[in-house]
Amino acid sequence: MNRQAVINPVYGKEKSRTGPTIGVMAATQPDVNALADSMGFARDDYRDFFSARMYQGGSDDHGFFIVGPFIGAPHAAILLENLVVRGVDRIVFVGWCGSLCDRLAIGDVLIASGAYSDEGTARHYGVSDSQTLLETSKELDGCLASSMNHLGLPVLSAQVWTTDALYRETPEKIIHFRDQGAWAVEMELSALLAVAAFRGVALSSVLLVSDSVESLTWQPGFKDSRFKTGRKNIAAIMKNFVEKMGRTDHGS
């Protein structure tokens, strides 16, 4: 595959820059707000970043970004490309997902082990089919599991199906991807994994179950108390994760 492109992400006058290395990408505005609150940012202490918000914390030699909200694979890929060029080489994607099976309930938090691409963006990064599982970073997965254990939360791991078309989750597709091993469906992860592999950075994901199509009917859970608790849990997980990674970077 030709790696050369006419348009490339740049940071200022440089093609790349050493700086904060951890990126937390949150797809929804409520999660962006919760993460900003948990990590001590004022909600208006952000800069505009490709139709999203960017919060930057930490010191010159170690820090982190929170970026979001965004929706869909193309926007997610643009944001990730522009984080990588800023020196970010470890990224966690925080999003919501729909359950495809009875193993996942509303409010469950899972660490995605990989994603099947049923979206178009990954094709531009060398992913040729929807049968190949794009895997997450096992190192970051382990760090996320450690944070969940630290907080006394159950650790769930599952493959997911990434789709471009929210309103085209047909019974046939639900059954197809469930048979391939996917437990959940969402809209960004496979594209993010494709970009991460192309750019040589590590990426993992924590997803919150917000609804279910397991019965081939839609069961929303956005007002469920378990979903609201899950959002708080994800903010706590990511706060612990960022703190843990900071201590690791400093050799402690």
Protein backbone atom coordinates (compact mmCIF):
# COMPACT_ATOMS: atom_id res chain seq x y z
CA MET A 1 0.00 0.00 0.00
CA ASN A 2 1.29 3.47 -0.89
CA ARG A 3 2.00 5.28 2.39
CA GLN A 4 2.46 8.68 0.75
CA ALA A 5 -0.40 11.19 0.81
CA VAL A 6 -0.81 14.69 -0.55
CA ILE A 7 -2.27 16.03 2.71
CA ASN A 8 -0.61 15.06 5.99
CA PRO A 9 -1.22 16.04 9.62
CA VAL A 10 1.26 18.64 10.90
CA TYR A 11 1.81 20.36 14.23
CA GLY A 12 2.86 23.97 13.84
CA LYS A 13 5.96 24.22 11.65
CA GLU A 14 7.10 20.70 12.56
CA LYS A 15 5.99 17.32 11.23
CA SER A 16 6.06 15.87 14.72
CA ARG A 17 6.85 16.95 18.25
CA THR A 18 7.76 15.22 21.48
CA GLY A 19 5.27 15.97 24.21
CA PRO A 20 2.43 14.43 26.16
CA THR A 21 2.16 10.79 25.22
CA ILE A 22 -1.24 9.65 26.53
CA GLY A 23 -4.44 10.46 24.68
CA VAL A 24 -7.94 9.78 25.98
CA MET A 25 -10.49 10.03 23.19
CA ALA A 26 -14.11 10.24 24.35
CA ALA A 27 -16.85 9.96 21.75
CA THR A 28 -19.68 11.62 23.70
CA GLN A 29 -19.96 15.04 25.30
CA PRO A 30 -21.18 13.62 28.65
CA ASP A 31 -18.04 11.48 28.87
CA VAL A 32 -15.80 14.39 27.88
CA ASN A 33 -17.37 16.38 30.71
CA ALA A 34 -17.04 13.53 33.20
CA LEU A 35 -13.38 12.96 32.29
CA ALA A 36 -12.58 16.68 32.51
CA ASP A 37 -14.24 16.85 35.92
CA SER A 38 -12.47 13.75 37.25
CA MET A 39 -9.06 15.00 36.11
CA GLY A 40 -9.48 18.48 37.54
CA PHE A 41 -10.17 20.60 34.47
CA ALA A 42 -12.62 23.47 34.36
CA ARG A 43 -15.08 22.55 31.63
CA ASP A 44 -14.33 25.73 29.66
CA ASP A 45 -10.55 25.18 29.88
CA TYR A 46 -10.24 23.65 26.43
CA ARG A 47 -9.09 24.56 22.93
CA ASP A 48 -10.98 23.84 19.72
CA PHE A 49 -9.58 20.79 17.95
CA PHE A 50 -11.02 19.73 14.59
CA SER A 51 -14.66 20.28 15.64
CA ALA A 52 -13.95 18.67 19.02
CA ARG A 53 -12.53 19.88 22.33
CA MET A 54 -9.00 19.30 23.59
CA TYR A 55 -7.96 19.41 27.24
CA GLN A 56 -4.23 19.19 27.96
CA GLY A 57 -2.78 18.31 31.36
CA GLY A 58 0.42 17.21 33.02
CA SER A 59 3.98 18.52 32.74
CA ASP A 60 6.39 19.13 29.86
CA ASP A 61 8.01 15.69 30.17
CA HIS A 62 4.80 13.78 30.80
CA GLY A 63 1.18 14.67 30.23
CA PHE A 64 -2.04 13.72 28.57
CA PHE A 65 -4.80 14.92 26.29
CA ILE A 66 -8.55 14.48 26.54
CA VAL A 67 -10.21 14.89 23.13
CA GLY A 68 -13.87 14.74 22.10
CA PRO A 69 -16.69 14.57 21.35
CA PHE A 70 -16.84 13.02 17.88
CA ILE A 71 -19.07 10.64 15.99
CA GLY A 72 -18.21 8.06 13.38
CA ALA A 73 -15.03 6.63 11.93
CA PRO A 74 -13.87 9.51 9.66
CA HIS A 75 -13.92 12.13 12.41
CA ALA A 76 -12.29 9.73 14.88
CA ALA A 77 -9.47 9.02 12.41
CA ILE A 78 -8.80 12.73 11.80
CA LEU A 79 -8.53 13.38 15.53
CA LEU A 80 -6.22 10.42 16.10
CA GLU A 81 -3.93 11.41 13.21
CA ASN A 82 -3.58 14.86 14.75
CA LEU A 83 -2.88 13.46 18.21
CA VAL A 84 -0.16 11.18 16.86
CA VAL A 85 1.63 14.06 15.16
CA ARG A 86 1.69 15.80 18.55
CA GLY A 87 3.68 12.94 20.03
CA VAL A 88 0.87 10.83 21.48
CA ASP A 89 1.75 7.14 21.24
CA ARG A 90 -0.68 5.57 23.73
CA ILE A 91 -4.40 6.15 23.29
CA VAL A 92 -7.53 4.90 25.00
CA PHE A 93 -10.86 5.31 23.24
CA VAL A 94 -13.86 5.73 25.54
CA GLY A 95 -17.26 5.12 23.98
CA TRP A 96 -20.71 3.59 24.27
CA CYS A 97 -21.80 0.36 22.64
CA GLY A 98 -24.86 -1.79 22.06
CA SER A 99 -24.95 -5.33 23.37
CA LEU A 100 -25.27 -8.14 20.80
CA CYS A 101 -25.55 -10.99 23.31
CA ASP A 102 -26.86 -11.92 26.74
CA ARG A 103 -23.36 -11.79 28.22
CA LEU A 104 -23.49 -7.98 28.36
CA ALA A 105 -26.05 -5.93 30.28
CA ILE A 106 -26.84 -2.22 30.40
CA GLY A 107 -24.17 -0.43 32.43
CA ASP A 108 -21.45 -3.05 31.94
CA VAL A 109 -17.97 -1.67 31.24
CA LEU A 110 -15.81 -3.74 28.91
CA ILE A 111 -12.29 -3.63 27.58
CA ALA A 112 -12.50 -4.23 23.84
CA SER A 113 -10.08 -6.93 22.71
CA GLY A 114 -10.50 -6.06 19.04
CA ALA A 115 -12.92 -4.91 16.36
CA TYR A 116 -14.31 -6.06 13.01
CA SER A 117 -14.44 -3.27 10.44
CA ASP A 118 -17.82 -2.70 8.83
CA GLU A 119 -16.95 0.93 8.09
CA GLY A 120 -15.15 2.66 5.24
CA THR A 121 -12.30 4.56 6.87
CA ALA A 122 -10.21 1.50 7.78
CA ARG A 123 -10.08 0.55 4.09
CA HIS A 124 -7.86 3.57 3.46
CA TYR A 125 -5.39 2.25 6.05
CA GLY A 126 -4.96 -1.20 4.55
CA VAL A 127 -7.88 -3.16 6.04
CA SER A 128 -9.43 -5.07 3.15
CA ASP A 129 -12.32 -6.97 4.72
CA SER A 130 -14.71 -7.28 7.66
CA GLN A 131 -13.54 -10.75 8.64
CA THR A 132 -10.16 -9.71 10.06
CA LEU A 133 -10.08 -8.86 13.75
CA LEU A 134 -8.13 -5.67 14.42
CA GLU A 135 -6.56 -6.16 17.84
CA THR A 136 -6.05 -3.68 20.65
CA SER A 137 -2.81 -3.13 22.59
CA LYS A 138 -2.42 -5.96 25.09
CA GLU A 139 -0.13 -3.80 27.22
CA LEU A 140 -2.74 -1.05 27.51
CA ASP A 141 -5.50 -3.63 27.98
CA GLY A 142 -3.56 -4.97 30.96
CA CYS A 143 -3.15 -1.49 32.44
CA LEU A 144 -6.88 -0.83 32.04
CA ALA A 145 -7.70 -4.15 33.70
CA SER A 146 -5.35 -3.24 36.56
CA SER A 147 -7.21 0.06 37.04
CA MET A 148 -10.54 -1.77 37.09
CA ASN A 149 -9.22 -4.26 39.63
CA HIS A 150 -7.91 -1.39 41.75
CA LEU A 151 -11.41 0.11 41.81
CA GLY A 152 -13.06 -3.25 42.55
CA LEU A 153 -14.82 -3.39 39.19
CA PRO A 154 -15.35 -6.62 37.23
CA VAL A 155 -13.10 -6.97 34.20
CA LEU A 156 -14.94 -7.90 31.00
CA SER A 157 -13.21 -8.31 27.65
CA ALA A 158 -14.96 -8.69 24.31
CA GLN A 159 -14.64 -8.24 20.56
CA VAL A 160 -16.84 -5.63 18.88
CA TRP A 161 -18.34 -4.86 15.50
CA THR A 162 -17.81 -1.33 14.16
CA THR A 163 -20.44 0.04 11.78
CA ASP A 164 -20.85 3.28 9.82
CA ALA A 165 -24.63 2.99 9.74
CA LEU A 166 -26.49 3.31 13.03
CA TYR A 167 -29.84 2.75 11.31
CA ARG A 168 -28.66 -0.26 9.27
CA GLU A 169 -27.96 -2.68 12.12
CA THR A 170 -30.08 -5.34 10.46
CA PRO A 171 -30.94 -8.72 12.00
CA GLU A 172 -28.71 -10.40 9.41
CA LYS A 173 -25.72 -8.26 10.32
CA ILE A 174 -26.30 -8.62 14.05
CA ILE A 175 -26.36 -12.41 13.72
CA HIS A 176 -23.37 -12.41 11.33
CA PHE A 177 -21.04 -10.43 13.59
CA ARG A 178 -22.28 -12.17 16.72
CA ASP A 179 -21.39 -15.47 15.05
CA GLN A 180 -17.91 -14.07 14.35
CA GLY A 181 -17.48 -13.51 18.09
CA ALA A 182 -18.51 -9.88 18.57
CA TRP A 183 -20.40 -9.11 21.77
CA ALA A 184 -21.12 -5.44 21.03
CA VAL A 185 -21.52 -2.86 18.28
CA GLU A 186 -20.23 0.73 18.05
CA MET A 187 -19.10 3.23 15.41
CA GLU A 188 -15.41 4.15 15.76
CA LEU A 189 -13.07 1.50 17.15
CA SER A 190 -12.00 -0.45 14.04
CA ALA A 191 -11.05 2.78 12.25
CA LEU A 192 -9.05 3.94 15.26
CA LEU A 193 -7.25 0.59 15.41
CA ALA A 194 -6.47 0.77 11.69
CA VAL A 195 -4.98 4.26 12.04
CA ALA A 196 -3.04 3.21 15.15
CA ALA A 197 -1.52 0.22 13.36
CA PHE A 198 -0.65 2.36 10.32
CA ARG A 199 1.04 5.00 12.48
CA GLY A 200 2.71 2.55 14.88
CA VAL A 201 1.03 3.64 18.11
CA ALA A 202 -0.75 1.66 20.83
CA LEU A 203 -4.53 1.92 21.20
CA SER A 204 -7.09 0.25 23.44
CA SER A 205 -10.69 0.95 24.33
CA VAL A 206 -13.10 1.00 27.25
CA LEU A 207 -16.76 0.80 26.24
CA LEU A 208 -19.96 1.27 28.23
CA VAL A 209 -23.05 -0.76 27.31
CA SER A 210 -25.78 1.81 26.66
CA ASP A 211 -28.39 -0.28 24.86
CA SER A 212 -29.04 -3.75 23.43
CA VAL A 213 -30.04 -5.33 20.14
CA GLU A 214 -29.46 -8.87 21.38
CA SER A 215 -33.11 -9.84 20.94
CA LEU A 216 -33.15 -8.26 17.42
CA THR A 217 -35.23 -5.42 18.85
CA TRP A 218 -33.79 -2.20 20.23
CA GLN A 219 -33.69 -1.85 24.02
CA PRO A 220 -32.30 1.57 25.02
CA GLY A 221 -30.75 1.95 28.45
CA PHE A 222 -29.70 5.61 28.53
CA LYS A 223 -32.01 6.43 31.46
CA ASP A 224 -31.14 3.26 33.37
CA SER A 225 -29.41 3.82 36.73
CA ARG A 226 -26.87 1.14 35.79
CA PHE A 227 -25.86 3.17 32.73
CA LYS A 228 -25.38 6.30 34.84
CA THR A 229 -23.26 4.33 37.31
CA GLY A 230 -21.23 2.94 34.41
CA ARG A 231 -20.39 6.46 33.22
CA LYS A 232 -19.05 7.32 36.67
CA ASN A 233 -17.04 4.10 36.69
CA ILE A 234 -15.41 4.88 33.34
CA ALA A 235 -14.33 8.33 34.55
CA ALA A 236 -12.78 6.72 37.65
CA ILE A 237 -11.06 4.04 35.56
CA MET A 238 -9.50 6.59 33.23
CA LYS A 239 -8.35 8.84 36.09
CA ASN A 240 -6.59 5.88 37.70
CA PHE A 241 -5.18 4.77 34.33
CA VAL A 242 -3.68 8.18 33.52
CA GLU A 243 -2.17 8.45 37.01
CA LYS A 244 -0.78 4.91 36.76
CA MET A 245 0.76 5.53 33.33
CA GLY A 246 2.33 8.74 34.63
CA ARG A 247 4.02 6.86 37.46
CA THR A 248 5.22 4.22 35.00
CA ASP A 249 6.72 6.85 32.69
CA HIS A 250 8.69 8.28 35.58
CA GLY A 251 10.07 4.88 36.47
CA SER A 252 8.25 4.52 39.77
